[in-house]
């Protein structure tokens, strides 16, 4: 295809196209903001899950200790 061909577009169609492009750019920015919020929530969730896991491990260690002390022969 030749690159030196001129393309003629009606002015109102051109303005409509510019409006559509501006709207698309706005939506892309909104999507980026939402994606950032989702990543923040995911990181927060991961931190909470790690904290729960550590708490559960601590409880499990304490329970094993209590189990050993209670059922260990005294003699």
C-alpha atoms as a PDB file:
ATOM      1  CA  UNK A   1       0.000   0.000   0.000  1.00  0.00           C
ATOM      2  CA  UNK A   2       1.312   3.450  -0.830  1.00  0.00           C
ATOM      3  CA  UNK A   3       2.000   5.749   2.092  1.00  0.00           C
ATOM      4  CA  UNK A   4       1.736   8.998   0.167  1.00  0.00           C
ATOM      5  CA  UNK A   5      -2.027   8.757  -0.330  1.00  0.00           C
ATOM      6  CA  UNK A   6      -4.116  11.471   1.271  1.00  0.00           C
ATOM      7  CA  UNK A   7      -7.114  10.553   3.389  1.00  0.00           C
ATOM      8  CA  UNK A   8      -9.972  12.984   3.641  1.00  0.00           C
ATOM      9  CA  UNK A   9     -12.323  12.863   6.597  1.00  0.00           C
ATOM     10  CA  UNK A  10     -15.312  15.035   7.369  1.00  0.00           C
ATOM     11  CA  UNK A  11     -14.542  17.508  10.113  1.00  0.00           C
ATOM     12  CA  UNK A  12     -17.427  16.386  12.333  1.00  0.00           C
ATOM     13  CA  UNK A  13     -16.322  12.742  11.994  1.00  0.00           C
ATOM     14  CA  UNK A  14     -12.799  13.815  12.929  1.00  0.00           C
ATOM     15  CA  UNK A  15     -14.080  15.614  16.023  1.00  0.00           C
ATOM     16  CA  UNK A  16     -16.168  12.571  16.945  1.00  0.00           C
ATOM     17  CA  UNK A  17     -13.059  10.420  16.581  1.00  0.00           C
ATOM     18  CA  UNK A  18     -11.092  12.761  18.866  1.00  0.00           C
ATOM     19  CA  UNK A  19     -13.884  12.566  21.453  1.00  0.00           C
ATOM     20  CA  UNK A  20     -13.886   8.774  21.287  1.00  0.00           C
ATOM     21  CA  UNK A  21     -10.106   8.635  21.683  1.00  0.00           C
ATOM     22  CA  UNK A  22     -10.278  10.976  24.690  1.00  0.00           C
ATOM     23  CA  UNK A  23     -12.986   8.785  26.249  1.00  0.00           C
ATOM     24  CA  UNK A  24     -10.914   5.652  25.680  1.00  0.00           C
ATOM     25  CA  UNK A  25      -7.917   7.315  27.334  1.00  0.00           C
ATOM     26  CA  UNK A  26     -10.068   8.248  30.342  1.00  0.00           C
ATOM     27  CA  UNK A  27     -11.290   4.663  30.636  1.00  0.00           C
ATOM     28  CA  UNK A  28      -7.727   3.362  30.439  1.00  0.00           C
ATOM     29  CA  UNK A  29      -6.702   5.700  33.274  1.00  0.00           C
ATOM     30  CA  UNK A  30      -9.682   4.552  35.353  1.00  0.00           C
ATOM     31  CA  UNK A  31      -8.735   0.927  34.679  1.00  0.00           C
ATOM     32  CA  UNK A  32      -5.146   1.597  35.801  1.00  0.00           C
ATOM     33  CA  UNK A  33      -6.388   3.167  39.040  1.00  0.00           C
ATOM     34  CA  UNK A  34      -8.732   0.237  39.693  1.00  0.00           C
ATOM     35  CA  UNK A  35      -5.954  -2.241  38.926  1.00  0.00           C
ATOM     36  CA  UNK A  36      -3.689  -0.461  41.411  1.00  0.00           C
ATOM     37  CA  UNK A  37      -6.386  -0.713  44.073  1.00  0.00           C
ATOM     38  CA  UNK A  38      -6.822  -4.412  43.334  1.00  0.00           C
ATOM     39  CA  UNK A  39      -3.077  -4.992  43.741  1.00  0.00           C
ATOM     40  CA  UNK A  40      -3.145  -3.094  47.052  1.00  0.00           C
ATOM     41  CA  UNK A  41      -6.054  -5.218  48.287  1.00  0.00           C
ATOM     42  CA  UNK A  42      -4.306  -8.396  47.190  1.00  0.00           C
ATOM     43  CA  UNK A  43      -1.134  -7.418  49.048  1.00  0.00           C
ATOM     44  CA  UNK A  44      -3.201  -6.591  52.127  1.00  0.00           C
ATOM     45  CA  UNK A  45      -4.964  -9.932  51.863  1.00  0.00           C
ATOM     46  CA  UNK A  46      -1.650 -11.776  51.516  1.00  0.00           C
ATOM     47  CA  UNK A  47      -0.337 -10.041  54.646  1.00  0.00           C
ATOM     48  CA  UNK A  48      -3.456 -11.001  56.591  1.00  0.00           C
ATOM     49  CA  UNK A  49      -3.226 -14.604  55.438  1.00  0.00           C
ATOM     50  CA  UNK A  50       0.432 -14.773  56.504  1.00  0.00           C
ATOM     51  CA  UNK A  51      -0.488 -13.391  59.917  1.00  0.00           C
ATOM     52  CA  UNK A  52      -3.256 -15.994  60.301  1.00  0.00           C
ATOM     53  CA  UNK A  53      -0.875 -18.747  59.213  1.00  0.00           C
ATOM     54  CA  UNK A  54       1.718 -17.639  61.779  1.00  0.00           C
ATOM     55  CA  UNK A  55      -0.923 -17.468  64.516  1.00  0.00           C
ATOM     56  CA  UNK A  56      -2.166 -20.928  63.645  1.00  0.00           C
ATOM     57  CA  UNK A  57       1.380 -22.298  63.699  1.00  0.00           C
ATOM     58  CA  UNK A  58       1.921 -20.744  67.130  1.00  0.00           C
ATOM     59  CA  UNK A  59      -1.255 -22.306  68.490  1.00  0.00           C
ATOM     60  CA  UNK A  60      -0.264 -25.645  66.994  1.00  0.00           C
ATOM     61  CA  UNK A  61       3.192 -25.513  68.679  1.00  0.00           C
ATOM     62  CA  UNK A  62       1.631 -24.654  72.028  1.00  0.00           C
ATOM     63  CA  UNK A  63      -0.903 -27.471  71.694  1.00  0.00           C
ATOM     64  CA  UNK A  64       1.871 -29.982  70.937  1.00  0.00           C
ATOM     65  CA  UNK A  65       3.760 -28.793  74.006  1.00  0.00           C
ATOM     66  CA  UNK A  66       0.686 -29.138  76.219  1.00  0.00           C
ATOM     67  CA  UNK A  67       0.039 -32.585  74.758  1.00  0.00           C
ATOM     68  CA  UNK A  68       3.613 -33.684  75.538  1.00  0.00           C
ATOM     69  CA  UNK A  69       3.505 -32.332  79.089  1.00  0.00           C
ATOM     70  CA  UNK A  70       0.148 -33.903  79.900  1.00  0.00           C
ATOM     71  CA  UNK A  71       0.848 -37.342  78.484  1.00  0.00           C
ATOM     72  CA  UNK A  72       4.539 -37.673  79.275  1.00  0.00           C
ATOM     73  CA  UNK A  73       5.267 -40.359  81.852  1.00  0.00           C
ATOM     74  CA  UNK A  74       6.301 -38.873  85.196  1.00  0.00           C
ATOM     75  CA  UNK A  75       8.620 -41.711  86.215  1.00  0.00           C
END
